[in-house]
Amino acid sequence: MLQSTGRHRRTRTLSIAAAVAVAAGAGGVYLGLSNGGAEAASTTVTVSNTAQLEAAVKNAAAGTTIQVRGGTYQPTATLKSTANGTSSARITLQAYGSEKVRIDGSKLPDGSWLAGIYGDYWTVQNLTFVNSPAQGFVATSSVGGVFKNLVTADNGDSGFTLRGDGTTGNLVQNLDSYGNYDPAGHGQNADGIAVKFGSGTGNRITGARLYNNSDDGIDLWQFSSPVTIEHTWAYGNGKNRWNDSAFEGNGNGFKLGGGGASVAHVVNNNAAWDNSLHGFTENSNTGAIALNRNTAYANAETGFYFATGKARLGRNLAVGNKKGLSKLGSSAVSSANNWDGGVATPAFRSKDAATAYGARKADGSLPATTFLTTGSTTIGSTMN
């Protein structure tokens, strides 16, 4: 065993063969001590073909960084790992530099996820996951994950999923998730983001664009701990874009519960437009959902539908939704929204959404737009 005399991580760059051996535990490379305060050695693996990518993900260990060279990768089995990083020795899967990486699931068996992470302290960034027969990217019972600047598109179920108990402290930042559609369910399951069937505090979604999915933009079905959603746009969801004669997609922008969970999600500074059902809905969640400075525009049903729960709505803006600005039950608390008495509705600077579809900024943040902006400092989404 190689010994470390300091408290700092050591970085090694290895060939793919050597790095996979290290990640698998071969070679006697130091992976940390239980005392003395030393941290894990870090290993950088650079991959350039599908077999190397599959091996590197399978054999990743704490401190491993997998850098994926530009190009298209077509795995024949789910990219899966049960490895855990630590807060000081994360596992990282990312594009090499600024190169464009497309991970394509079109060669996977029916029903397969494209990527499945069952570990803690992963960073996955600057990658595109497309054409899976089922979910694009799934993290199960993950702690401390950072999922940044990803694209999950045209998959056979939800594009991006967090699920399972113990799903704690994850950050989903600057995700584009679009065109996801489940033919087996005639579109009723494929969301842009699904945070479902689990629990765990501290999960945050920010800067996402969730659009043109067959079901909802975001779905929090049966997730029993609060999720924070901010600076996220959900639009064009729930429309039959696949010529499915038995189409069953729903198409809420933000579906904030369901399945019996009563939980106080936090939903601030988001926008929902042109969805086939509601812009924002509790979906039977009776918890005290907090919604502040959100905008719902031109949705086919209600802008804000919170008819049964204890939602608390403040400074939200609803315009042009076909079945009303809001529908609130007696337990909801509503203040300073534009449907409340004495609150003016500011004019939009633009109702042309073209720039909202534009390229993201260099750091991956949302594109600059005047769409749905008003200049108000008190009501509605700031659209940034």
Protein backbone atom coordinates (compact mmCIF):
# COMPACT_ATOMS: atom_id res chain seq x y z
CA MET A 1 0.00 0.00 0.00
CA LEU A 2 1.23 3.48 -0.84
CA GLN A 3 1.13 5.74 2.18
CA SER A 4 0.16 9.38 2.30
CA THR A 5 2.00 11.76 4.60
CA GLY A 6 -0.27 14.79 4.13
CA ARG A 7 -3.88 15.78 4.39
CA HIS A 8 -4.35 16.71 0.76
CA ARG A 9 -5.73 14.60 -2.04
CA ARG A 10 -3.31 13.30 -4.63
CA THR A 11 -4.35 13.37 -8.27
CA ARG A 12 -3.32 10.72 -10.76
CA THR A 13 -4.06 10.57 -14.47
CA LEU A 14 -4.04 7.03 -15.76
CA SER A 15 -4.60 5.14 -18.95
CA ILE A 16 -8.04 3.56 -19.18
CA ALA A 17 -6.70 0.07 -18.44
CA ALA A 18 -4.73 1.18 -15.41
CA ALA A 19 -7.49 3.43 -14.16
CA VAL A 20 -10.15 0.77 -14.36
CA ALA A 21 -7.87 -1.59 -12.44
CA VAL A 22 -7.39 1.06 -9.77
CA ALA A 23 -11.12 1.76 -9.57
CA ALA A 24 -11.76 -1.95 -9.20
CA GLY A 25 -9.38 -2.08 -6.26
CA ALA A 26 -6.39 -3.56 -8.03
CA GLY A 27 -2.86 -2.27 -7.81
CA GLY A 28 -2.82 -1.44 -4.11
CA VAL A 29 -3.48 2.27 -4.64
CA TYR A 30 -4.12 4.17 -1.43
CA LEU A 31 -7.81 4.96 -0.84
CA GLY A 32 -7.62 6.65 2.55
CA LEU A 33 -7.00 5.88 6.20
CA SER A 34 -9.44 5.53 9.05
CA ASN A 35 -7.27 7.77 11.19
CA GLY A 36 -4.63 10.40 10.68
CA GLY A 37 -6.97 12.65 8.65
CA ALA A 38 -5.72 11.68 5.17
CA GLU A 39 -8.14 11.95 2.27
CA ALA A 40 -8.63 9.56 -0.61
CA ALA A 41 -6.33 9.66 -3.59
CA SER A 42 -8.07 10.83 -6.75
CA THR A 43 -7.87 9.07 -10.06
CA THR A 44 -8.70 10.64 -13.44
CA VAL A 45 -9.91 8.29 -16.15
CA THR A 46 -10.25 9.59 -19.71
CA VAL A 47 -12.47 7.51 -22.00
CA SER A 48 -12.99 7.71 -25.74
CA ASN A 49 -15.20 4.74 -26.65
CA THR A 50 -18.31 3.03 -25.32
CA ALA A 51 -16.58 0.00 -23.79
CA GLN A 52 -14.25 2.27 -21.83
CA LEU A 53 -17.17 4.37 -20.62
CA GLU A 54 -19.09 1.30 -19.45
CA ALA A 55 -16.07 -0.05 -17.58
CA ALA A 56 -15.20 3.26 -15.99
CA VAL A 57 -18.71 3.84 -14.62
CA LYS A 58 -19.02 0.26 -13.39
CA ASN A 59 -15.69 0.38 -11.56
CA ALA A 60 -15.73 3.94 -10.24
CA ALA A 61 -14.70 4.50 -6.62
CA ALA A 62 -14.41 7.44 -4.26
CA GLY A 63 -12.11 10.03 -5.81
CA THR A 64 -12.58 8.85 -9.41
CA THR A 65 -13.09 11.46 -12.14
CA ILE A 66 -14.28 10.06 -15.48
CA GLN A 67 -13.68 12.44 -18.36
CA VAL A 68 -15.56 11.56 -21.55
CA ARG A 69 -14.11 12.70 -24.85
CA GLY A 70 -16.43 14.31 -27.39
CA GLY A 71 -18.61 12.09 -29.55
CA THR A 72 -21.56 9.70 -29.41
CA TYR A 73 -21.57 6.68 -27.09
CA GLN A 74 -24.07 3.84 -27.43
CA PRO A 75 -24.00 1.48 -24.44
CA THR A 76 -25.63 -1.94 -24.73
CA ALA A 77 -26.53 -2.09 -21.02
CA THR A 78 -27.50 0.54 -18.45
CA LEU A 79 -24.57 2.65 -17.26
CA LYS A 80 -24.88 1.60 -13.62
CA SER A 81 -22.90 2.14 -10.44
CA THR A 82 -23.47 1.36 -6.77
CA ALA A 83 -20.27 3.13 -5.69
CA ASN A 84 -20.23 5.89 -3.09
CA GLY A 85 -18.05 8.92 -3.14
CA THR A 86 -17.57 11.05 -0.05
CA SER A 87 -17.98 14.75 0.59
CA SER A 88 -14.20 15.17 0.17
CA ALA A 89 -13.66 12.51 -2.53
CA ARG A 90 -16.54 12.74 -4.94
CA ILE A 91 -17.10 10.55 -7.98
CA THR A 92 -17.31 12.72 -11.09
CA LEU A 93 -18.63 11.85 -14.55
CA GLN A 94 -18.23 14.70 -17.01
CA ALA A 95 -17.37 15.78 -20.50
CA TYR A 96 -13.70 16.35 -21.27
CA GLY A 97 -13.21 20.12 -21.27
CA SER A 98 -15.79 21.79 -23.49
CA GLU A 99 -16.23 18.78 -25.78
CA LYS A 100 -19.79 17.71 -26.64
CA VAL A 101 -20.78 14.25 -25.42
CA ARG A 102 -23.93 12.44 -26.46
CA ILE A 103 -24.82 9.20 -24.65
CA ASP A 104 -27.38 7.44 -26.82
CA GLY A 105 -29.60 4.62 -25.57
CA SER A 106 -30.86 3.38 -28.91
CA LYS A 107 -28.96 0.07 -28.58
CA LEU A 108 -30.31 -0.76 -25.11
CA PRO A 109 -32.81 -3.59 -24.51
CA ASP A 110 -36.46 -2.60 -24.14
CA GLY A 111 -37.27 -1.21 -20.71
CA SER A 112 -33.68 -0.25 -19.86
CA TRP A 113 -32.65 2.99 -18.24
CA LEU A 114 -29.76 4.75 -19.91
CA ALA A 115 -27.96 5.62 -16.66
CA GLY A 116 -28.63 4.49 -13.10
CA ILE A 117 -26.67 5.80 -10.10
CA TYR A 118 -27.20 4.10 -6.73
CA GLY A 119 -24.51 5.92 -4.79
CA ASP A 120 -23.70 9.07 -2.85
CA TYR A 121 -21.65 12.16 -3.68
CA TRP A 122 -21.66 11.90 -7.44
CA THR A 123 -21.12 14.89 -9.72
CA VAL A 124 -22.48 14.37 -13.25
CA GLN A 125 -22.15 17.33 -15.58
CA ASN A 126 -21.98 18.60 -19.16
CA LEU A 127 -23.44 15.46 -20.75
CA THR A 128 -26.45 14.64 -22.95
CA PHE A 129 -28.57 11.49 -22.42
CA VAL A 130 -30.92 10.64 -25.29
CA ASN A 131 -32.98 7.88 -26.91
CA SER A 132 -33.29 5.56 -23.94
CA PRO A 133 -36.10 2.98 -24.20
CA ALA A 134 -37.09 4.04 -20.66
CA GLN A 135 -35.76 6.67 -18.23
CA GLY A 136 -32.80 8.72 -19.35
CA PHE A 137 -30.97 9.31 -16.07
CA VAL A 138 -32.00 7.97 -12.65
CA ALA A 139 -30.39 8.57 -9.25
CA THR A 140 -31.76 6.28 -6.52
CA SER A 141 -31.39 7.02 -2.79
CA SER A 142 -28.50 9.35 -3.57
CA VAL A 143 -26.96 11.71 -1.01
CA GLY A 144 -25.15 14.88 -2.01
CA GLY A 145 -25.42 14.49 -5.77
CA VAL A 146 -24.66 17.39 -8.10
CA PHE A 147 -26.26 17.03 -11.53
CA LYS A 148 -25.35 20.05 -13.59
CA ASN A 149 -25.61 21.27 -17.19
CA LEU A 150 -27.22 18.07 -18.45
CA VAL A 151 -29.62 17.36 -21.30
CA THR A 152 -32.11 14.46 -21.09
CA ALA A 153 -34.11 14.32 -24.30
CA ASP A 154 -36.25 11.99 -26.41
CA ASN A 155 -36.21 9.18 -23.88
CA GLY A 156 -38.91 6.50 -23.47
CA ASP A 157 -39.93 7.67 -20.01
CA SER A 158 -39.00 10.57 -17.73
CA GLY A 159 -35.82 12.35 -18.74
CA PHE A 160 -34.32 12.87 -15.27
CA THR A 161 -35.41 11.09 -12.06
CA LEU A 162 -34.57 11.27 -8.37
CA ARG A 163 -36.21 8.44 -6.43
CA GLY A 164 -36.07 6.31 -3.30
CA ASP A 165 -35.85 6.91 0.42
CA GLY A 166 -32.63 8.55 1.53
CA THR A 167 -32.63 10.91 -1.48
CA THR A 168 -30.97 13.77 0.39
CA GLY A 169 -29.16 16.99 -0.43
CA ASN A 170 -29.11 16.68 -4.22
CA LEU A 171 -28.77 19.63 -6.60
CA VAL A 172 -30.18 19.56 -10.13
CA GLN A 173 -28.93 22.67 -11.90
CA ASN A 174 -29.37 23.94 -15.46
CA LEU A 175 -31.05 20.81 -16.84
CA ASP A 176 -32.76 20.80 -20.24
CA SER A 177 -35.25 17.92 -20.38
CA TYR A 178 -37.54 17.74 -23.39
CA GLY A 179 -39.28 15.48 -25.88
CA ASN A 180 -39.55 12.57 -23.45
CA TYR A 181 -42.45 10.23 -24.27
CA ASP A 182 -43.39 6.74 -23.11
CA PRO A 183 -45.09 4.88 -25.97
CA ALA A 184 -45.99 1.92 -23.74
CA GLY A 185 -48.04 4.21 -21.50
CA HIS A 186 -49.26 6.38 -24.35
CA GLY A 187 -47.46 9.34 -22.86
CA GLN A 188 -48.88 9.24 -19.33
CA ASN A 189 -45.57 8.79 -17.49
CA ALA A 190 -42.76 10.69 -19.22
CA ASP A 191 -41.96 13.89 -17.33
CA GLY A 192 -39.10 16.32 -17.75
CA ILE A 193 -38.07 15.80 -14.11
CA ALA A 194 -39.59 13.22 -11.78
CA VAL A 195 -38.87 13.31 -8.05
CA LYS A 196 -40.94 10.34 -6.98
CA PHE A 197 -41.53 7.40 -4.66
CA GLY A 198 -39.23 8.42 -1.85
CA SER A 199 -38.12 10.88 0.79
CA GLY A 200 -35.16 12.96 1.85
CA THR A 201 -34.57 16.61 2.64
CA GLY A 202 -32.46 19.28 0.98
CA ASN A 203 -33.17 18.48 -2.68
CA ARG A 204 -33.13 21.52 -4.97
CA ILE A 205 -33.92 22.08 -8.63
CA THR A 206 -32.81 25.33 -10.20
CA GLY A 207 -32.39 26.74 -13.70
CA ALA A 208 -34.18 23.89 -15.49
CA ARG A 209 -36.12 24.02 -18.78
CA LEU A 210 -38.71 21.24 -18.94
CA TYR A 211 -40.62 21.30 -22.18
CA ASN A 212 -42.52 19.35 -24.81
CA ASN A 213 -42.68 16.22 -22.65
CA SER A 214 -45.65 13.91 -23.01
CA ASP A 215 -46.67 14.18 -19.35
CA ASP A 216 -45.67 16.87 -16.84
CA GLY A 217 -42.78 19.28 -16.75
CA ILE A 218 -42.00 18.29 -13.17
CA ASP A 219 -43.77 15.62 -11.12
CA LEU A 220 -43.35 15.17 -7.34
CA TRP A 221 -45.63 12.13 -7.03
CA GLN A 222 -45.33 10.33 -3.65
CA PHE A 223 -42.21 12.19 -2.57
CA SER A 224 -42.81 12.89 1.10
CA SER A 225 -40.09 15.47 1.90
CA PRO A 226 -39.95 19.11 0.79
CA VAL A 227 -38.32 19.83 -2.57
CA THR A 228 -37.23 23.37 -3.50
CA ILE A 229 -37.83 24.44 -7.11
CA GLU A 230 -36.63 27.82 -8.34
CA HIS A 231 -35.80 29.69 -11.55
CA THR A 232 -37.26 26.85 -13.62
CA TRP A 233 -39.48 26.96 -16.71
CA ALA A 234 -42.03 24.30 -17.71
CA TYR A 235 -43.79 24.72 -21.04
CA GLY A 236 -45.48 22.89 -23.88
CA ASN A 237 -45.99 19.70 -21.85
CA GLY A 238 -48.80 17.20 -22.36
CA LYS A 239 -49.39 17.71 -26.07
CA ASN A 240 -49.60 14.78 -28.45
CA ARG A 241 -46.54 15.38 -30.58
CA TRP A 242 -46.12 11.68 -31.44
CA ASN A 243 -49.35 10.98 -33.35
CA ASP A 244 -50.45 8.52 -30.66
CA SER A 245 -54.13 7.78 -31.28
CA ALA A 246 -54.53 6.63 -27.63
CA PHE A 247 -52.51 9.47 -26.11
CA GLU A 248 -52.91 9.86 -22.33
CA GLY A 249 -50.37 12.52 -21.37
CA ASN A 250 -51.52 15.01 -18.76
CA GLY A 251 -49.33 18.03 -19.12
CA ASN A 252 -49.15 20.09 -15.95
CA GLY A 253 -46.23 22.45 -15.77
CA PHE A 254 -45.51 21.86 -12.07
CA LYS A 255 -47.28 18.85 -10.50
CA LEU A 256 -46.47 19.25 -6.83
CA GLY A 257 -47.64 16.02 -5.24
CA GLY A 258 -50.01 13.11 -5.46
CA GLY A 259 -50.37 9.60 -4.18
CA GLY A 260 -51.20 10.58 -0.62
CA ALA A 261 -48.12 12.64 0.29
CA SER A 262 -48.76 15.80 2.33
CA VAL A 263 -45.63 17.92 2.10
CA ALA A 264 -44.68 21.60 2.02
CA HIS A 265 -42.63 21.97 -1.16
CA VAL A 266 -41.09 25.39 -1.87
CA VAL A 267 -41.71 26.83 -5.34
CA ASN A 268 -40.21 30.25 -6.01
CA ASN A 269 -39.60 32.36 -9.13
CA ASN A 270 -40.65 29.85 -11.79
CA ALA A 271 -42.77 30.06 -14.93
CA ALA A 272 -45.26 27.71 -16.59
CA TRP A 273 -46.81 28.39 -19.97
CA ASP A 274 -48.60 26.64 -22.80
CA ASN A 275 -49.11 23.38 -20.87
CA SER A 276 -52.14 21.21 -21.63
CA LEU A 277 -53.44 21.26 -18.04
CA HIS A 278 -52.57 23.56 -15.12
CA GLY A 279 -49.54 25.75 -14.79
CA PHE A 280 -49.02 24.89 -11.10
CA THR A 281 -51.08 22.31 -9.19
CA GLU A 282 -51.05 20.60 -5.80
CA ASN A 283 -52.35 17.39 -7.40
CA SER A 284 -54.09 16.43 -4.11
CA ASN A 285 -51.09 17.35 -1.91
CA THR A 286 -52.68 18.80 1.23
CA GLY A 287 -49.41 20.17 2.62
CA ALA A 288 -48.56 23.85 3.03
CA ILE A 289 -46.82 24.28 -0.33
CA ALA A 290 -45.20 27.73 -0.54
CA LEU A 291 -45.41 29.46 -3.93
CA ASN A 292 -43.91 32.92 -4.36
CA ARG A 293 -43.28 35.06 -7.44
CA ASN A 294 -44.25 32.47 -10.04
CA THR A 295 -45.90 33.18 -13.41
CA ALA A 296 -48.54 31.05 -15.17
CA TYR A 297 -49.38 32.09 -18.72
CA ALA A 298 -51.63 30.64 -21.43
CA ASN A 299 -52.08 27.19 -19.91
CA ALA A 300 -55.09 25.17 -21.10
CA GLU A 301 -56.59 24.84 -17.63
CA THR A 302 -55.99 26.96 -14.50
CA GLY A 303 -52.90 28.99 -13.78
CA PHE A 304 -52.72 27.94 -10.10
CA TYR A 305 -54.88 25.01 -8.97
CA PHE A 306 -54.78 24.49 -5.18
CA ALA A 307 -58.32 23.46 -4.33
CA THR A 308 -57.89 21.08 -1.39
CA GLY A 309 -54.63 21.79 0.43
CA LYS A 310 -53.03 24.38 2.67
CA ALA A 311 -50.90 26.08 0.02
CA ARG A 312 -49.57 29.54 0.75
CA LEU A 313 -49.42 31.72 -2.37
CA GLY A 314 -47.86 35.16 -2.52
CA ARG A 315 -46.96 37.60 -5.31
CA ASN A 316 -47.77 35.15 -8.11
CA LEU A 317 -48.95 36.27 -11.55
CA ALA A 318 -51.49 34.47 -13.76
CA VAL A 319 -52.47 35.73 -17.20
CA GLY A 320 -54.44 34.19 -20.07
CA ASN A 321 -55.03 30.73 -18.61
CA LYS A 322 -58.13 29.34 -20.31
CA LYS A 323 -60.00 28.15 -17.21
CA GLY A 324 -59.07 30.91 -14.84
CA LEU A 325 -56.21 32.55 -13.03
CA SER A 326 -56.54 30.38 -9.94
CA LYS A 327 -58.75 27.88 -8.16
CA LEU A 328 -58.09 27.86 -4.43
CA GLY A 329 -59.75 25.96 -1.61
CA SER A 330 -60.74 27.39 1.76
CA SER A 331 -57.53 26.16 3.41
CA ALA A 332 -55.24 27.98 0.99
CA VAL A 333 -53.71 31.33 1.97
CA SER A 334 -53.52 33.87 -0.85
CA SER A 335 -51.96 37.33 -0.63
CA ALA A 336 -50.61 39.91 -3.10
CA ASN A 337 -51.29 37.72 -6.14
CA ASN A 338 -52.87 39.37 -9.15
CA TRP A 339 -56.17 37.57 -8.51
CA ASP A 340 -56.37 39.10 -5.03
CA GLY A 341 -58.30 42.29 -4.54
CA GLY A 342 -56.51 45.54 -5.26
CA VAL A 343 -53.49 43.92 -6.96
CA ALA A 344 -52.74 45.21 -10.44
CA THR A 345 -51.66 42.96 -13.31
CA PRO A 346 -48.48 44.37 -14.88
CA ALA A 347 -48.02 44.12 -18.64
CA PHE A 348 -45.55 41.68 -20.13
CA ARG A 349 -42.67 43.16 -22.07
CA SER A 350 -42.97 40.28 -24.55
CA LYS A 351 -45.31 37.38 -25.24
CA ASP A 352 -42.96 35.85 -27.81
CA ALA A 353 -41.30 32.77 -26.29
CA ALA A 354 -38.63 32.34 -28.99
CA THR A 355 -35.75 33.57 -26.85
CA ALA A 356 -36.73 31.20 -24.02
CA TYR A 357 -35.79 28.32 -26.32
CA GLY A 358 -32.43 29.91 -27.12
CA ALA A 359 -28.93 28.80 -26.22
CA ARG A 360 -27.98 28.92 -22.57
CA LYS A 361 -25.31 31.27 -21.32
CA ALA A 362 -21.70 30.10 -21.22
CA ASP A 363 -22.03 28.96 -17.60
CA GLY A 364 -25.15 26.94 -18.41
CA SER A 365 -27.64 29.35 -16.87
CA LEU A 366 -30.93 30.27 -18.50
CA PRO A 367 -30.85 32.43 -21.64
CA ALA A 368 -31.55 36.13 -21.36
CA THR A 369 -35.13 36.92 -22.34
CA THR A 370 -37.79 39.60 -22.05
CA PHE A 371 -40.53 36.97 -22.45
CA LEU A 372 -43.03 37.19 -19.56
CA THR A 373 -40.94 39.83 -17.81
CA THR A 374 -42.71 42.91 -16.46
CA GLY A 375 -40.06 44.94 -14.69
CA SER A 376 -42.00 44.51 -11.46
CA THR A 377 -40.01 44.01 -8.28
CA THR A 378 -43.03 42.68 -6.41
CA ILE A 379 -44.97 40.17 -8.51
CA GLY A 380 -44.35 37.39 -11.01
CA SER A 381 -41.25 35.51 -12.16
CA THR A 382 -38.13 37.48 -12.98
CA MET A 383 -37.45 34.95 -15.80
CA ASN A 384 -33.79 34.45 -14.97
